[in-house]
Protein backbone atom coordinates (compact mmCIF):
# COMPACT_ATOMS: atom_id res chain seq x y z
CA MET A 1 23.78 13.84 -1.88
CA PRO A 2 22.97 12.64 -5.43
CA GLY A 3 19.51 13.30 -6.80
CA PRO A 4 17.04 10.62 -7.84
CA LYS A 5 18.00 8.46 -10.79
CA ASP A 6 16.52 9.59 -14.08
CA ILE A 7 13.63 7.52 -15.44
CA ASP A 8 13.59 6.50 -19.11
CA GLY A 9 9.96 7.14 -19.96
CA SER A 10 10.42 5.62 -23.43
CA ALA A 11 11.25 2.17 -22.03
CA SER A 12 7.65 1.13 -21.37
CA LEU A 13 4.21 2.45 -20.56
CA PRO A 14 4.71 1.90 -16.79
CA THR A 15 7.94 3.95 -16.82
CA PHE A 16 6.27 6.70 -18.85
CA TYR A 17 3.47 6.77 -16.30
CA GLY A 18 5.95 6.78 -13.41
CA LYS A 19 8.02 9.56 -14.91
CA GLU A 20 4.91 11.69 -15.34
CA LEU A 21 3.97 11.01 -11.73
CA ARG A 22 7.40 12.11 -10.48
CA TRP A 23 7.31 15.26 -12.64
CA LYS A 24 3.87 16.25 -11.35
CA ARG A 25 4.87 15.55 -7.74
CA GLU A 26 8.09 17.55 -7.95
CA GLN A 27 6.30 20.37 -9.77
CA ALA A 28 3.92 20.53 -6.79
CA GLY A 29 6.90 20.65 -4.43
CA LEU A 30 5.90 17.45 -2.59
CA SER A 31 8.15 14.68 -1.27
CA GLN A 32 7.08 11.09 -1.82
CA GLN A 33 6.12 10.79 1.84
CA LYS A 34 4.09 13.99 1.73
CA LEU A 35 2.19 12.81 -1.33
CA VAL A 36 1.18 9.47 0.24
CA ASP A 37 0.20 11.02 3.58
CA GLY A 38 -3.45 10.25 4.19
CA SER A 39 -3.36 7.06 2.09
CA PHE A 40 -2.71 3.47 3.15
CA TYR A 41 0.62 3.34 1.27
CA GLY A 42 4.24 4.15 2.07
CA ALA A 43 6.78 6.33 0.30
CA SER A 44 8.69 3.26 -0.94
CA HIS A 45 5.51 2.06 -2.67
CA LEU A 46 5.23 5.39 -4.51
CA SER A 47 8.93 5.31 -5.38
CA GLU A 48 8.54 1.94 -7.10
CA ILE A 49 5.54 3.23 -9.06
CA GLU A 50 7.62 6.19 -10.24
CA ARG A 51 10.32 3.80 -11.45
CA GLY A 52 7.76 1.69 -13.33
CA GLU A 53 8.32 -1.30 -11.06
CA ARG A 54 4.92 -1.38 -9.38
CA ARG A 55 1.31 -0.77 -10.40
CA MET A 56 -0.69 2.14 -9.09
CA PRO A 57 -3.64 0.89 -7.00
CA ILE A 58 -6.85 2.64 -7.99
CA ASP A 59 -7.39 4.09 -4.51
CA LEU A 60 -3.88 5.55 -4.49
CA ALA A 61 -4.39 6.94 -8.02
CA ARG A 62 -7.48 8.77 -6.81
CA HIS A 63 -5.58 10.07 -3.80
CA VAL A 64 -2.74 11.32 -6.03
CA ASP A 65 -5.15 12.95 -8.49
CA GLN A 66 -6.76 14.84 -5.63
CA ALA A 67 -3.46 15.86 -4.04
CA LEU A 68 -1.91 16.99 -7.34
CA ALA A 69 -5.13 18.37 -8.87
CA THR A 70 -4.56 16.28 -12.02
CA ASP A 71 -8.24 15.96 -12.96
CA GLY A 72 -8.35 12.14 -12.79
CA PHE A 73 -5.33 11.58 -15.07
CA PHE A 74 -3.66 8.87 -12.98
CA GLU A 75 -6.93 7.06 -12.30
CA ARG A 76 -7.75 7.04 -16.04
CA CYS A 77 -4.30 5.69 -16.96
CA CYS A 78 -4.31 2.88 -14.37
CA GLU A 79 -5.96 0.34 -16.68
CA ASP A 80 -3.51 0.96 -19.54
CA VAL A 81 -0.55 0.47 -17.20
CA ARG A 82 -2.04 -2.70 -15.74
CA LYS A 83 -2.50 -4.17 -19.23
CA ALA A 84 1.09 -3.30 -20.15
CA LYS A 85 2.46 -5.10 -17.08
CA ARG A 86 0.32 -8.22 -17.50
CA GLY A 87 2.32 -10.15 -20.17
CA GLY A 88 1.03 -13.73 -20.37
CA HIS A 89 -1.14 -13.62 -17.25
CA ALA A 90 -4.89 -13.32 -16.85
CA ASP A 91 -6.22 -9.85 -16.09
CA TYR A 92 -7.54 -10.97 -12.70
CA PHE A 93 -4.02 -12.07 -11.71
CA GLU A 94 -2.28 -8.77 -12.41
CA LYS A 95 -2.45 -7.46 -8.85
CA VAL A 96 -0.99 -10.70 -7.45
CA LEU A 97 1.76 -10.81 -10.06
CA GLU A 98 3.12 -7.54 -8.81
CA ALA A 99 2.26 -8.02 -5.15
CA GLU A 100 4.31 -11.22 -4.81
CA LYS A 101 7.42 -9.30 -5.92
CA GLN A 102 6.91 -6.80 -3.11
CA ALA A 103 5.65 -9.16 -0.39
CA GLY A 104 7.47 -9.79 2.84
CA THR A 105 5.60 -13.06 3.36
CA ILE A 106 3.60 -15.31 1.06
CA GLU A 107 1.57 -18.14 2.59
CA GLU A 108 -0.19 -20.43 0.16
CA TRP A 109 -2.71 -23.26 0.27
CA CYS A 110 -3.58 -24.89 -3.04
CA PRO A 111 -5.41 -28.19 -2.46
CA THR A 112 -5.91 -29.30 -6.07
CA LEU A 113 -2.69 -28.24 -7.82
CA ILE A 114 0.92 -27.52 -7.02
CA PRO A 115 1.07 -23.69 -6.82
CA GLY A 116 2.25 -21.78 -9.87
CA LEU A 117 5.38 -20.45 -8.17
CA LEU A 118 6.59 -24.03 -7.67
CA GLN A 119 5.61 -25.57 -11.01
CA THR A 120 8.13 -27.04 -13.45
CA GLU A 121 7.70 -26.44 -17.17
CA SER A 122 6.07 -29.82 -17.84
CA TYR A 123 3.66 -29.44 -14.91
CA ALA A 124 2.70 -25.89 -15.91
CA ARG A 125 2.19 -26.89 -19.55
CA THR A 126 -0.01 -29.85 -18.62
CA VAL A 127 -2.15 -27.70 -16.32
CA LEU A 128 -2.49 -24.84 -18.82
CA GLU A 129 -3.24 -27.11 -21.77
CA SER A 130 -5.98 -28.80 -19.76
CA THR A 131 -7.77 -25.44 -19.40
CA GLN A 132 -7.13 -24.34 -23.02
CA ALA A 133 -8.99 -27.06 -24.90
CA LEU A 134 -9.62 -24.74 -27.86
CA GLY A 135 -6.63 -22.47 -27.36
CA PHE A 136 -3.60 -22.01 -29.61
CA SER A 137 -0.24 -23.52 -28.67
CA GLU A 138 1.37 -20.08 -28.97
CA GLU A 139 -0.91 -18.80 -26.23
CA VAL A 140 -0.01 -21.73 -23.99
CA ASP A 141 3.71 -21.17 -24.65
CA LEU A 142 3.37 -17.54 -23.58
CA LYS A 143 1.51 -18.49 -20.41
CA VAL A 144 4.04 -21.20 -19.53
CA SER A 145 6.98 -18.80 -19.96
CA ALA A 146 5.23 -16.17 -17.86
CA ARG A 147 4.49 -18.65 -15.09
CA LEU A 148 8.06 -19.99 -14.97
CA ALA A 149 9.47 -16.46 -14.84
CA ARG A 150 7.73 -15.91 -11.51
CA ALA A 151 10.05 -18.45 -9.85
CA SER A 152 12.96 -16.01 -10.15
CA LEU A 153 11.53 -14.63 -6.92
CA PHE A 154 13.29 -17.43 -5.03
CA GLU A 155 16.71 -16.47 -6.42
CA GLU A 156 16.72 -12.95 -5.01
CA ASN A 157 19.11 -12.04 -2.19
CA GLU A 158 16.20 -11.46 0.17
CA PRO A 159 13.22 -13.43 -1.13
CA PRO A 160 9.91 -13.26 0.70
CA MET A 161 9.26 -15.90 3.34
CA TYR A 162 7.22 -18.40 1.32
CA TRP A 163 5.25 -20.93 3.33
CA VAL A 164 3.18 -23.47 1.41
CA VAL A 165 0.82 -26.22 2.58
CA LEU A 166 0.32 -29.00 0.01
CA HIS A 167 -2.33 -31.66 0.22
CA GLU A 168 -0.78 -35.14 0.29
CA THR A 169 -2.80 -36.21 -2.76
CA LEU A 170 -0.75 -33.78 -4.88
CA LEU A 171 2.33 -35.92 -4.23
CA ARG A 172 0.53 -39.06 -5.37
CA GLN A 173 -1.56 -37.70 -8.24
CA PRO A 174 0.16 -38.78 -11.49
CA ILE A 175 -0.85 -35.96 -13.83
CA LEU A 176 2.61 -36.29 -15.45
CA PRO A 177 4.70 -39.28 -16.56
CA PRO A 178 6.60 -40.74 -13.58
CA LYS A 179 9.99 -39.17 -14.27
CA GLU A 180 8.50 -35.73 -14.90
CA MET A 181 6.45 -36.05 -11.73
CA ALA A 182 9.65 -36.89 -9.87
CA GLU A 183 11.30 -33.76 -11.31
CA GLN A 184 8.39 -31.64 -10.11
CA LEU A 185 8.65 -32.95 -6.55
CA ASP A 186 12.45 -32.68 -6.66
CA CYS A 187 12.06 -29.00 -7.53
CA ILE A 188 9.96 -28.41 -4.41
CA ALA A 189 12.31 -30.45 -2.22
CA GLN A 190 15.39 -28.59 -3.46
CA LEU A 191 13.82 -25.23 -2.69
CA GLY A 192 13.02 -26.56 0.76
CA ARG A 193 16.55 -27.86 1.33
CA ARG A 194 17.95 -24.48 0.23
CA ARG A 195 15.66 -22.80 2.74
CA ARG A 196 13.99 -20.79 0.01
CA ILE A 197 10.56 -22.12 0.95
CA ILE A 198 8.93 -23.79 3.96
CA PRO A 199 6.77 -26.69 2.75
CA GLN A 200 4.23 -28.58 4.81
CA VAL A 201 2.08 -31.50 3.75
CA LEU A 202 -1.49 -31.97 4.90
CA PRO A 203 -2.08 -35.73 5.30
CA TRP A 204 -4.89 -37.16 3.22
CA ASN A 205 -6.67 -38.31 6.39
CA ALA A 206 -6.36 -35.02 8.31
CA GLY A 207 -10.11 -34.50 8.22
CA ALA A 208 -12.05 -31.26 7.91
CA HIS A 209 -10.29 -27.91 8.30
CA PRO A 210 -11.25 -24.21 7.86
CA LEU A 211 -9.91 -23.91 4.27
CA ILE A 212 -11.49 -27.10 2.97
CA LEU A 213 -13.56 -25.21 0.39
CA GLY A 214 -10.73 -23.79 -1.71
CA SER A 215 -7.34 -22.21 -2.24
CA ALA A 216 -5.90 -19.15 -0.52
CA THR A 217 -2.76 -17.04 -0.79
CA ILE A 218 -2.04 -14.56 1.99
CA MET A 219 0.53 -11.81 1.40
CA THR A 220 1.91 -9.18 3.76
CA PHE A 221 3.93 -6.08 2.92
CA ALA A 222 6.12 -3.54 4.67
CA ASP A 223 4.38 -0.58 3.09
CA ALA A 224 0.83 -1.70 2.26
CA PRO A 225 -2.06 -3.57 3.90
CA PRO A 226 -2.11 -7.40 3.69
CA MET A 227 -4.18 -9.09 1.01
CA VAL A 228 -5.62 -12.50 0.18
CA TYR A 229 -5.98 -14.06 -3.27
CA THR A 230 -8.36 -16.89 -4.11
CA GLU A 231 -8.66 -18.56 -7.50
CA ALA A 232 -10.96 -20.79 -9.53
CA THR A 233 -10.38 -22.21 -13.02
CA TYR A 234 -11.20 -19.06 -14.98
CA SER A 235 -11.37 -16.37 -12.33
CA GLY A 236 -9.58 -14.99 -9.31
CA ASP A 237 -10.34 -12.54 -6.54
CA THR A 238 -8.12 -10.30 -4.42
CA ILE A 239 -9.39 -9.40 -0.95
CA ASP A 240 -8.09 -6.58 1.23
CA ASP A 241 -11.01 -6.11 3.63
CA PRO A 242 -9.19 -6.31 7.01
CA ARG A 243 -11.97 -8.35 8.62
CA ILE A 244 -11.96 -10.99 5.88
CA VAL A 245 -8.16 -11.05 5.65
CA GLN A 246 -8.04 -11.74 9.39
CA LYS A 247 -10.43 -14.69 8.98
CA TYR A 248 -8.16 -16.17 6.32
CA ARG A 249 -5.16 -15.52 8.59
CA LYS A 250 -6.71 -17.52 11.44
CA SER A 251 -7.88 -20.29 9.12
CA TYR A 252 -4.42 -20.66 7.59
CA ASP A 253 -2.83 -20.88 11.03
CA LEU A 254 -5.25 -23.67 11.97
CA LEU A 255 -4.52 -25.47 8.69
CA ARG A 256 -0.78 -25.24 9.33
CA ALA A 257 -1.29 -26.66 12.81
CA VAL A 258 -2.81 -29.91 11.50
CA ALA A 259 -0.25 -30.34 8.69
CA LEU A 260 2.95 -32.34 9.13
CA PRO A 261 6.01 -30.42 10.42
CA PRO A 262 8.30 -29.01 7.69
CA LYS A 263 11.05 -31.60 8.24
CA ALA A 264 8.66 -34.56 8.02
CA SER A 265 6.90 -32.93 5.06
CA LEU A 266 10.16 -32.54 3.17
CA ALA A 267 10.99 -36.20 3.77
CA MET A 268 7.56 -37.22 2.46
CA ILE A 269 8.02 -35.11 -0.69
CA GLU A 270 11.43 -36.67 -1.36
CA THR A 271 10.09 -40.19 -0.80
CA ALA A 272 7.21 -39.57 -3.20
CA ALA A 273 9.68 -38.23 -5.80
CA GLU A 274 11.79 -41.37 -5.48
CA ASP A 275 8.72 -43.56 -5.86
CA HIS A 276 7.74 -41.80 -9.08
CA ARG A 277 11.32 -41.99 -10.34
CA ASN A 278 11.33 -45.75 -9.81
CA ASP A 279 7.92 -46.03 -11.46
CA LYS A 280 6.49 -47.25 -8.21
CA ASP A 281 3.00 -46.30 -7.12
CA PRO A 282 3.47 -43.91 -4.17
CA ASP A 283 1.64 -45.29 -1.14
């Protein structure tokens, strides 16, 4: 049986960190499973950290430092690795950026904007420029490129199950010129037709619902506890408290229940796209 693939620690800071982790683990004579025993994480999670593909959560870093007697080395290096992996994203988004690549399911509710994973270049640029009134265009370009790169998630052989609920006003809100708005809605519809996402639309007159106060993204994993991400204009928060995650889980299920079925939602998105394309005010 072949041994583990060698790690090029010179490729990046995360791979250097991962290679050091593997060396310390093997020096201690521990398997990946043995090292994560007693933590909330699986051996596959640790394997991806060793390959530089996944960040080390602070609680796991502390667990590893204790198990390997490394005097806090991995906890101290966590922040440097996180910064290295960020690339064009806000610091508060770093955990989500990695988590969505590992998630088995992603369920999203974004009442005021089309979610970043679904945004076209023109939509992303318009949104980012609106929040960077005094920013430099180079910074916006970097952020746009980073946001668009996230969509490669949908081209993987086994992408996560992505379920999104969009408020109907997002289909009607002309924050872009008509043809660009049509392209944005076409992008969502095509992903739906290809069965890469499951879109639902919440009608404008659906009334009050449990997530009326803001956005929510719920992610589940095969080898880690579920988490929720909420975001405001200049901040974001990740939540992994099981009691709070469960409340978001129930609220999202209730929201989904009052939204239109996926088939009807897809038809509404395509109709709105056609209306924008024909420069007709969507009803």
